[in-house]
């Protein structure tokens, strides 16, 4: 997959009050509306295992999906906390062993229009263990690369103005 889909990435790791938080920023060559749709209605096109997503984009609604890595299934659970079309997706995020270890964390995706697409700021907070936060700090850039390189190749061929 070409790396020209992703221009810049920064990571921030901050522990505070026995809770750990990470932040990832990336530029995507995709419109804000397409990114919002990918996170609220089309998770199985770029992140989740097809056929495992139960998700309705409404505040308070629970969701469930699975990812598969090296043959192992990882269930994810949560609910939508805040939704602002084309601007913001905020959700609780719970996984088991080798994930959030059962902690109900919060993923906040802020979407900003940019000259050649969008800039994303993903904040993941509420980790009990620094190791889990660090693991997610390493994983989120790869997940966002799936969004830009896999999903984007199918649907985001229209040039962004």
N, C-alpha and C. Protein backbone atom coordinates (compact mmCIF):
# COMPACT_ATOMS: atom_id res chain seq x y z
N UNK A 1 0.84 -1.17 0.00
CA UNK A 1 0.00 0.00 0.00
C UNK A 1 0.88 1.23 0.00
N UNK A 2 0.56 2.21 -0.82
CA UNK A 2 1.41 3.39 -0.86
C UNK A 2 1.30 4.21 0.40
N UNK A 3 2.43 4.76 0.83
CA UNK A 3 2.45 5.58 2.03
C UNK A 3 1.98 7.00 1.78
N UNK A 4 1.73 7.38 0.51
CA UNK A 4 1.35 8.75 0.24
C UNK A 4 -0.06 9.09 0.72
N UNK A 5 -0.78 8.12 1.25
CA UNK A 5 -2.10 8.38 1.82
C UNK A 5 -1.98 9.03 3.20
N UNK A 6 -0.85 8.88 3.83
CA UNK A 6 -0.67 9.39 5.19
C UNK A 6 0.51 10.34 5.16
N UNK A 7 0.29 11.57 5.63
CA UNK A 7 1.39 12.52 5.56
C UNK A 7 2.10 12.69 6.89
N UNK A 8 1.37 12.87 7.96
CA UNK A 8 2.04 13.15 9.23
C UNK A 8 1.31 12.44 10.36
N UNK A 9 2.08 12.02 11.33
CA UNK A 9 1.49 11.36 12.49
C UNK A 9 2.28 11.80 13.72
N UNK A 10 1.56 12.17 14.76
CA UNK A 10 2.22 12.47 16.02
C UNK A 10 1.52 11.70 17.11
N UNK A 11 2.26 11.29 18.10
CA UNK A 11 1.71 10.56 19.22
C UNK A 11 2.01 11.32 20.50
N UNK A 12 1.07 11.30 21.42
CA UNK A 12 1.28 11.90 22.73
C UNK A 12 0.79 10.91 23.76
N UNK A 13 1.55 10.71 24.79
CA UNK A 13 1.18 9.78 25.86
C UNK A 13 1.24 10.56 27.16
N UNK A 14 0.12 10.61 27.89
CA UNK A 14 0.07 11.36 29.14
C UNK A 14 -0.66 10.57 30.22
N UNK A 15 0.02 10.22 31.29
CA UNK A 15 -0.70 9.65 32.43
C UNK A 15 -1.24 10.78 33.30
N UNK A 16 -2.47 10.62 33.81
CA UNK A 16 -2.99 11.61 34.75
C UNK A 16 -4.03 10.94 35.64
N UNK A 17 -3.91 11.16 36.92
CA UNK A 17 -4.87 10.63 37.89
C UNK A 17 -5.13 9.14 37.70
N UNK A 18 -4.09 8.34 37.64
CA UNK A 18 -4.20 6.88 37.47
C UNK A 18 -4.92 6.48 36.19
N UNK A 19 -4.97 7.37 35.25
CA UNK A 19 -5.58 7.09 33.96
C UNK A 19 -4.57 7.50 32.90
N UNK A 20 -4.51 6.76 31.83
CA UNK A 20 -3.54 7.04 30.78
C UNK A 20 -4.27 7.40 29.50
N UNK A 21 -3.68 8.34 28.76
CA UNK A 21 -4.30 8.85 27.54
C UNK A 21 -3.26 8.91 26.43
N UNK A 22 -3.71 8.62 25.22
CA UNK A 22 -2.85 8.76 24.05
C UNK A 22 -3.56 9.65 23.05
N UNK A 23 -2.78 10.26 22.17
CA UNK A 23 -3.34 11.08 21.10
C UNK A 23 -2.57 10.79 19.83
N UNK A 24 -3.30 10.62 18.74
CA UNK A 24 -2.71 10.37 17.42
C UNK A 24 -3.30 11.41 16.49
N UNK A 25 -2.46 12.07 15.72
CA UNK A 25 -2.94 12.99 14.69
C UNK A 25 -2.42 12.53 13.35
N UNK A 26 -3.31 12.53 12.35
CA UNK A 26 -2.91 12.15 11.00
C UNK A 26 -3.69 12.95 9.99
N UNK A 27 -3.06 13.14 8.86
CA UNK A 27 -3.72 13.76 7.72
C UNK A 27 -4.22 12.63 6.82
N UNK A 28 -5.45 12.74 6.36
CA UNK A 28 -6.01 11.75 5.45
C UNK A 28 -6.48 12.45 4.19
N UNK A 29 -6.24 11.83 3.05
CA UNK A 29 -6.72 12.36 1.80
C UNK A 29 -8.16 11.87 1.57
N UNK A 30 -9.05 12.33 2.43
CA UNK A 30 -10.47 11.95 2.38
C UNK A 30 -11.28 13.10 2.95
N UNK A 31 -12.50 13.20 2.49
CA UNK A 31 -13.39 14.25 2.97
C UNK A 31 -13.88 13.94 4.38
N UNK A 32 -14.13 14.97 5.18
CA UNK A 32 -14.67 14.74 6.53
C UNK A 32 -15.93 13.88 6.54
N UNK A 33 -16.82 14.08 5.58
CA UNK A 33 -18.06 13.30 5.53
C UNK A 33 -17.78 11.82 5.34
N UNK A 34 -16.77 11.48 4.55
CA UNK A 34 -16.42 10.08 4.32
C UNK A 34 -15.81 9.44 5.56
N UNK A 35 -15.00 10.21 6.27
CA UNK A 35 -14.40 9.69 7.50
C UNK A 35 -15.47 9.45 8.56
N UNK A 36 -16.37 10.39 8.70
CA UNK A 36 -17.47 10.25 9.66
C UNK A 36 -18.29 9.00 9.33
N UNK A 37 -18.62 8.81 8.07
CA UNK A 37 -19.39 7.64 7.64
C UNK A 37 -18.63 6.35 7.94
N UNK A 38 -17.32 6.36 7.70
CA UNK A 38 -16.51 5.16 7.96
C UNK A 38 -16.56 4.76 9.43
N UNK A 39 -16.60 5.75 10.33
CA UNK A 39 -16.59 5.48 11.77
C UNK A 39 -17.97 5.21 12.35
N UNK A 40 -19.03 5.55 11.64
CA UNK A 40 -20.37 5.40 12.21
C UNK A 40 -21.23 4.38 11.50
N UNK A 41 -20.92 4.05 10.26
CA UNK A 41 -21.79 3.14 9.51
C UNK A 41 -21.06 2.06 8.73
N UNK A 42 -19.76 2.20 8.55
CA UNK A 42 -19.06 1.27 7.66
C UNK A 42 -17.78 0.71 8.29
N UNK A 43 -17.85 0.41 9.57
CA UNK A 43 -16.69 -0.12 10.28
C UNK A 43 -16.19 -1.42 9.65
N UNK A 44 -17.09 -2.23 9.12
CA UNK A 44 -16.67 -3.52 8.56
C UNK A 44 -16.04 -3.39 7.18
N UNK A 45 -15.97 -2.20 6.64
CA UNK A 45 -15.31 -2.01 5.35
C UNK A 45 -13.83 -1.71 5.50
N UNK A 46 -13.38 -1.38 6.73
CA UNK A 46 -11.98 -1.01 6.88
C UNK A 46 -11.34 -1.47 8.19
N UNK A 47 -12.14 -1.80 9.20
CA UNK A 47 -11.55 -2.13 10.51
C UNK A 47 -12.07 -3.44 11.07
N UNK A 48 -13.36 -3.57 11.19
CA UNK A 48 -13.96 -4.75 11.82
C UNK A 48 -14.08 -5.91 10.84
N UNK A 49 -14.12 -7.10 11.39
CA UNK A 49 -14.35 -8.31 10.60
C UNK A 49 -15.75 -8.22 9.99
N UNK A 50 -15.87 -8.35 8.67
CA UNK A 50 -17.21 -8.31 8.05
C UNK A 50 -18.15 -9.32 8.69
N UNK A 51 -19.38 -8.88 8.89
CA UNK A 51 -20.41 -9.73 9.47
C UNK A 51 -20.47 -9.71 10.98
N UNK A 52 -19.56 -8.99 11.64
CA UNK A 52 -19.54 -8.97 13.10
C UNK A 52 -20.05 -7.66 13.70
N UNK A 53 -20.30 -6.68 12.86
CA UNK A 53 -20.65 -5.34 13.35
C UNK A 53 -22.14 -5.25 13.67
N UNK A 54 -22.43 -4.84 14.89
CA UNK A 54 -23.78 -4.45 15.30
C UNK A 54 -23.62 -3.02 15.79
N UNK A 55 -24.09 -2.06 14.97
CA UNK A 55 -23.81 -0.66 15.27
C UNK A 55 -24.90 0.22 14.66
N UNK A 56 -25.42 1.12 15.46
CA UNK A 56 -26.36 2.14 14.99
C UNK A 56 -25.87 3.47 15.54
N UNK A 57 -25.58 4.39 14.66
CA UNK A 57 -24.95 5.65 15.04
C UNK A 57 -25.95 6.61 15.68
N UNK A 58 -26.19 6.38 16.97
CA UNK A 58 -27.02 7.27 17.77
C UNK A 58 -26.42 7.33 19.17
N UNK A 59 -26.42 8.53 19.73
CA UNK A 59 -25.85 8.71 21.06
C UNK A 59 -26.56 7.79 22.05
N UNK A 60 -25.78 7.08 22.85
CA UNK A 60 -26.31 6.15 23.83
C UNK A 60 -26.47 4.73 23.32
N UNK A 61 -26.40 4.54 22.01
CA UNK A 61 -26.59 3.20 21.44
C UNK A 61 -25.33 2.35 21.61
N UNK A 62 -25.50 1.12 22.07
CA UNK A 62 -24.35 0.22 22.19
C UNK A 62 -23.95 -0.32 20.82
N UNK A 63 -22.70 -0.74 20.72
CA UNK A 63 -22.23 -1.39 19.51
C UNK A 63 -21.33 -2.55 19.90
N UNK A 64 -21.11 -3.42 18.92
CA UNK A 64 -20.23 -4.58 19.08
C UNK A 64 -19.64 -4.91 17.73
N UNK A 65 -18.38 -5.30 17.72
CA UNK A 65 -17.74 -5.81 16.51
C UNK A 65 -16.52 -6.62 16.92
N UNK A 66 -15.96 -7.32 15.95
CA UNK A 66 -14.74 -8.08 16.20
C UNK A 66 -13.67 -7.68 15.19
N UNK A 67 -12.44 -7.74 15.64
CA UNK A 67 -11.31 -7.66 14.73
C UNK A 67 -10.61 -9.01 14.79
N UNK A 68 -9.83 -9.31 13.77
CA UNK A 68 -9.07 -10.55 13.73
C UNK A 68 -7.62 -10.18 13.45
N UNK A 69 -6.74 -10.67 14.32
CA UNK A 69 -5.30 -10.43 14.14
C UNK A 69 -4.59 -11.75 14.35
N UNK A 70 -3.85 -12.17 13.34
CA UNK A 70 -3.11 -13.43 13.39
C UNK A 70 -3.99 -14.59 13.81
N UNK A 71 -5.22 -14.63 13.28
CA UNK A 71 -6.15 -15.73 13.52
C UNK A 71 -6.93 -15.66 14.81
N UNK A 72 -6.65 -14.68 15.65
CA UNK A 72 -7.37 -14.54 16.92
C UNK A 72 -8.43 -13.46 16.80
N UNK A 73 -9.64 -13.77 17.29
CA UNK A 73 -10.76 -12.80 17.27
C UNK A 73 -10.72 -11.96 18.54
N UNK A 74 -10.90 -10.64 18.35
CA UNK A 74 -10.91 -9.71 19.48
C UNK A 74 -12.23 -8.95 19.47
N UNK A 75 -13.14 -9.26 20.39
CA UNK A 75 -14.40 -8.53 20.46
C UNK A 75 -14.18 -7.13 21.05
N UNK A 76 -14.92 -6.17 20.50
CA UNK A 76 -14.91 -4.78 20.96
C UNK A 76 -16.35 -4.40 21.28
N UNK A 77 -16.52 -3.66 22.36
CA UNK A 77 -17.84 -3.22 22.79
C UNK A 77 -17.79 -1.74 23.14
N UNK A 78 -18.94 -1.09 23.07
CA UNK A 78 -19.00 0.30 23.49
C UNK A 78 -20.36 0.90 23.21
N UNK A 79 -20.40 2.21 23.32
CA UNK A 79 -21.62 2.95 22.99
C UNK A 79 -21.19 4.33 22.51
N UNK A 80 -22.04 4.93 21.71
CA UNK A 80 -21.73 6.27 21.21
C UNK A 80 -22.03 7.28 22.31
N UNK A 81 -21.07 8.16 22.57
CA UNK A 81 -21.20 9.18 23.60
C UNK A 81 -21.54 10.55 23.01
N UNK A 82 -21.01 10.85 21.83
CA UNK A 82 -21.29 12.12 21.16
C UNK A 82 -21.07 11.92 19.67
N UNK A 83 -21.94 12.54 18.87
CA UNK A 83 -21.84 12.48 17.41
C UNK A 83 -22.16 13.85 16.85
N UNK A 84 -21.27 14.37 16.03
CA UNK A 84 -21.51 15.59 15.28
C UNK A 84 -21.09 15.29 13.85
N UNK A 85 -22.06 15.15 12.94
CA UNK A 85 -21.73 14.74 11.56
C UNK A 85 -20.57 15.54 10.98
N UNK A 86 -19.62 14.80 10.43
CA UNK A 86 -18.45 15.31 9.73
C UNK A 86 -17.44 16.01 10.65
N UNK A 87 -17.69 16.02 11.97
CA UNK A 87 -16.80 16.73 12.90
C UNK A 87 -16.29 15.88 14.06
N UNK A 88 -17.15 15.03 14.63
CA UNK A 88 -16.80 14.37 15.89
C UNK A 88 -17.51 13.03 16.03
N UNK A 89 -16.74 12.04 16.47
CA UNK A 89 -17.28 10.75 16.91
C UNK A 89 -16.61 10.47 18.25
N UNK A 90 -17.43 10.26 19.28
CA UNK A 90 -16.90 9.91 20.59
C UNK A 90 -17.63 8.67 21.07
N UNK A 91 -16.87 7.68 21.51
CA UNK A 91 -17.46 6.40 21.90
C UNK A 91 -16.70 5.78 23.05
N UNK A 92 -17.43 5.05 23.88
CA UNK A 92 -16.73 4.22 24.86
C UNK A 92 -16.16 3.04 24.10
N UNK A 93 -15.11 2.43 24.67
CA UNK A 93 -14.36 1.40 23.95
C UNK A 93 -13.86 0.38 24.96
N UNK A 94 -14.36 -0.84 24.87
CA UNK A 94 -13.98 -1.89 25.81
C UNK A 94 -13.52 -3.11 25.03
N UNK A 95 -12.35 -3.60 25.39
CA UNK A 95 -11.86 -4.87 24.86
C UNK A 95 -11.30 -5.67 26.03
N UNK A 96 -10.94 -6.88 25.77
CA UNK A 96 -10.46 -7.76 26.84
C UNK A 96 -8.96 -7.82 26.93
N UNK A 97 -8.48 -9.03 27.17
CA UNK A 97 -7.06 -9.28 27.31
C UNK A 97 -6.32 -8.79 26.08
N UNK A 98 -5.16 -8.20 26.28
CA UNK A 98 -4.34 -7.64 25.21
C UNK A 98 -4.98 -6.43 24.54
N UNK A 99 -5.97 -5.84 25.17
CA UNK A 99 -6.60 -4.63 24.66
C UNK A 99 -6.69 -3.61 25.78
N UNK A 100 -7.92 -3.24 26.14
CA UNK A 100 -8.09 -2.33 27.28
C UNK A 100 -8.16 -3.10 28.59
N UNK A 101 -8.10 -4.42 28.53
CA UNK A 101 -8.14 -5.30 29.69
C UNK A 101 -9.42 -5.07 30.49
N UNK A 102 -10.52 -4.84 29.79
CA UNK A 102 -11.81 -4.68 30.43
C UNK A 102 -12.12 -3.26 30.87
N UNK A 103 -11.17 -2.35 30.80
CA UNK A 103 -11.43 -0.96 31.17
C UNK A 103 -12.34 -0.32 30.12
N UNK A 104 -13.32 0.45 30.57
CA UNK A 104 -14.15 1.21 29.65
C UNK A 104 -13.42 2.51 29.34
N UNK A 105 -12.76 2.53 28.19
CA UNK A 105 -12.00 3.68 27.76
C UNK A 105 -12.88 4.53 26.84
N UNK A 106 -12.35 5.68 26.43
CA UNK A 106 -13.10 6.57 25.54
C UNK A 106 -12.22 6.91 24.34
N UNK A 107 -12.78 6.69 23.14
CA UNK A 107 -12.13 7.09 21.89
C UNK A 107 -12.87 8.32 21.38
N UNK A 108 -12.12 9.38 21.15
CA UNK A 108 -12.69 10.62 20.63
C UNK A 108 -11.97 10.93 19.32
N UNK A 109 -12.73 11.01 18.24
CA UNK A 109 -12.18 11.31 16.92
C UNK A 109 -12.69 12.68 16.51
N UNK A 110 -11.77 13.63 16.40
CA UNK A 110 -12.11 14.96 15.93
C UNK A 110 -11.66 15.07 14.48
N UNK A 111 -12.53 15.57 13.61
CA UNK A 111 -12.27 15.64 12.18
C UNK A 111 -12.24 17.11 11.76
N UNK A 112 -11.14 17.51 11.13
CA UNK A 112 -10.98 18.90 10.68
C UNK A 112 -10.76 18.90 9.17
N UNK A 113 -11.49 19.75 8.45
CA UNK A 113 -11.26 19.89 7.02
C UNK A 113 -9.87 20.49 6.81
N UNK A 114 -9.18 20.00 5.79
CA UNK A 114 -7.86 20.49 5.44
C UNK A 114 -7.81 20.69 3.93
N UNK A 115 -6.80 21.40 3.45
CA UNK A 115 -6.70 21.70 2.02
C UNK A 115 -6.78 20.46 1.14
N UNK A 116 -6.10 19.41 1.53
CA UNK A 116 -6.06 18.22 0.68
C UNK A 116 -6.75 17.03 1.34
N UNK A 117 -7.81 17.29 2.10
CA UNK A 117 -8.54 16.20 2.74
C UNK A 117 -8.98 16.56 4.13
N UNK A 118 -8.48 15.82 5.12
CA UNK A 118 -8.89 16.03 6.51
C UNK A 118 -7.71 15.78 7.44
N UNK A 119 -7.78 16.42 8.57
CA UNK A 119 -6.84 16.15 9.65
C UNK A 119 -7.65 15.52 10.77
N UNK A 120 -7.15 14.41 11.30
CA UNK A 120 -7.82 13.70 12.37
C UNK A 120 -7.01 13.84 13.65
N UNK A 121 -7.73 14.01 14.74
CA UNK A 121 -7.11 13.91 16.06
C UNK A 121 -7.88 12.83 16.80
N UNK A 122 -7.22 11.73 17.09
CA UNK A 122 -7.82 10.62 17.82
C UNK A 122 -7.22 10.62 19.22
N UNK A 123 -8.09 10.77 20.22
CA UNK A 123 -7.68 10.71 21.61
C UNK A 123 -8.31 9.47 22.22
N UNK A 124 -7.49 8.66 22.86
CA UNK A 124 -7.98 7.44 23.51
C UNK A 124 -7.57 7.55 24.97
N UNK A 125 -8.55 7.62 25.86
CA UNK A 125 -8.27 7.89 27.28
C UNK A 125 -8.95 6.87 28.17
N UNK A 126 -8.48 6.84 29.42
CA UNK A 126 -9.10 5.99 30.43
C UNK A 126 -8.43 4.66 30.66
N UNK A 127 -7.24 4.46 30.13
CA UNK A 127 -6.51 3.21 30.36
C UNK A 127 -6.07 3.14 31.82
N UNK A 128 -6.24 1.99 32.45
CA UNK A 128 -5.76 1.79 33.81
C UNK A 128 -4.27 1.52 33.83
N UNK A 129 -3.78 0.88 32.79
CA UNK A 129 -2.39 0.46 32.74
C UNK A 129 -1.64 1.19 31.63
N UNK A 130 -0.45 1.65 31.95
CA UNK A 130 0.38 2.33 30.95
C UNK A 130 0.67 1.41 29.78
N UNK A 131 0.88 0.13 30.04
CA UNK A 131 1.21 -0.82 28.97
C UNK A 131 0.09 -0.89 27.93
N UNK A 132 -1.16 -0.87 28.37
CA UNK A 132 -2.29 -0.91 27.44
C UNK A 132 -2.33 0.37 26.61
N UNK A 133 -2.06 1.50 27.23
CA UNK A 133 -2.04 2.77 26.49
C UNK A 133 -0.93 2.76 25.45
N UNK A 134 0.23 2.28 25.83
CA UNK A 134 1.36 2.24 24.90
C UNK A 134 1.05 1.31 23.73
N UNK A 135 0.44 0.17 24.03
CA UNK A 135 0.06 -0.77 22.97
C UNK A 135 -0.90 -0.10 21.98
N UNK A 136 -1.87 0.65 22.48
CA UNK A 136 -2.81 1.34 21.60
C UNK A 136 -2.14 2.49 20.86
N UNK A 137 -1.18 3.16 21.48
CA UNK A 137 -0.43 4.21 20.79
C UNK A 137 0.31 3.64 19.58
N UNK A 138 0.79 2.41 19.72
CA UNK A 138 1.45 1.74 18.60
C UNK A 138 0.45 1.27 17.55
N UNK A 139 -0.75 0.86 17.98
CA UNK A 139 -1.73 0.27 17.06
C UNK A 139 -2.54 1.28 16.27
N UNK A 140 -2.94 2.39 16.88
CA UNK A 140 -3.83 3.33 16.19
C UNK A 140 -3.29 3.84 14.85
N UNK A 141 -2.02 4.18 14.71
CA UNK A 141 -1.55 4.60 13.38
C UNK A 141 -1.75 3.52 12.32
N UNK A 142 -1.59 2.24 12.68
CA UNK A 142 -1.81 1.15 11.74
C UNK A 142 -3.29 1.04 11.38
N UNK A 143 -4.15 1.22 12.37
CA UNK A 143 -5.59 1.17 12.13
C UNK A 143 -5.99 2.30 11.18
N UNK A 144 -5.49 3.49 11.42
CA UNK A 144 -5.81 4.61 10.54
C UNK A 144 -5.24 4.41 9.15
N UNK A 145 -4.12 3.72 9.03
CA UNK A 145 -3.57 3.40 7.71
C UNK A 145 -4.52 2.47 6.97
N UNK A 146 -5.16 1.53 7.69
CA UNK A 146 -6.17 0.67 7.07
C UNK A 146 -7.30 1.52 6.51
N UNK A 147 -7.70 2.52 7.26
CA UNK A 147 -8.78 3.41 6.82
C UNK A 147 -8.39 4.11 5.53
N UNK A 148 -7.20 4.66 5.47
CA UNK A 148 -6.81 5.43 4.30
C UNK A 148 -6.47 4.56 3.11
N UNK A 149 -5.76 3.46 3.32
CA UNK A 149 -5.29 2.65 2.21
C UNK A 149 -6.29 1.61 1.73
N UNK A 150 -7.04 1.02 2.63
CA UNK A 150 -8.00 -0.01 2.24
C UNK A 150 -9.33 0.58 1.84
N UNK A 151 -9.99 1.18 2.77
CA UNK A 151 -11.31 1.76 2.55
C UNK A 151 -11.24 2.89 1.53
N UNK A 152 -10.23 3.74 1.63
CA UNK A 152 -10.13 4.91 0.77
C UNK A 152 -9.97 4.52 -0.70
N UNK A 153 -9.24 3.47 -0.98
CA UNK A 153 -9.05 3.08 -2.37
C UNK A 153 -10.37 2.75 -3.05
N UNK A 154 -11.33 2.26 -2.29
CA UNK A 154 -12.64 1.93 -2.85
C UNK A 154 -13.52 3.15 -3.05
N UNK A 155 -13.64 3.98 -2.04
CA UNK A 155 -14.67 5.01 -2.04
C UNK A 155 -14.19 6.44 -2.20
N UNK A 156 -12.94 6.70 -1.94
CA UNK A 156 -12.50 8.10 -1.91
C UNK A 156 -11.66 8.47 -3.13
N UNK A 157 -12.11 8.06 -4.28
CA UNK A 157 -11.36 8.38 -5.51
C UNK A 157 -11.64 9.79 -6.01
N UNK A 158 -12.70 10.40 -5.51
CA UNK A 158 -13.04 11.76 -5.92
C UNK A 158 -12.03 12.72 -5.31
N UNK A 159 -11.39 13.58 -6.13
CA UNK A 159 -10.42 14.52 -5.56
C UNK A 159 -11.09 15.46 -4.56
N UNK A 160 -10.38 15.75 -3.52
CA UNK A 160 -10.87 16.67 -2.49
C UNK A 160 -10.44 18.07 -2.89
N UNK A 161 -11.38 19.00 -2.82
CA UNK A 161 -11.06 20.39 -3.19
C UNK A 161 -10.66 21.19 -1.99
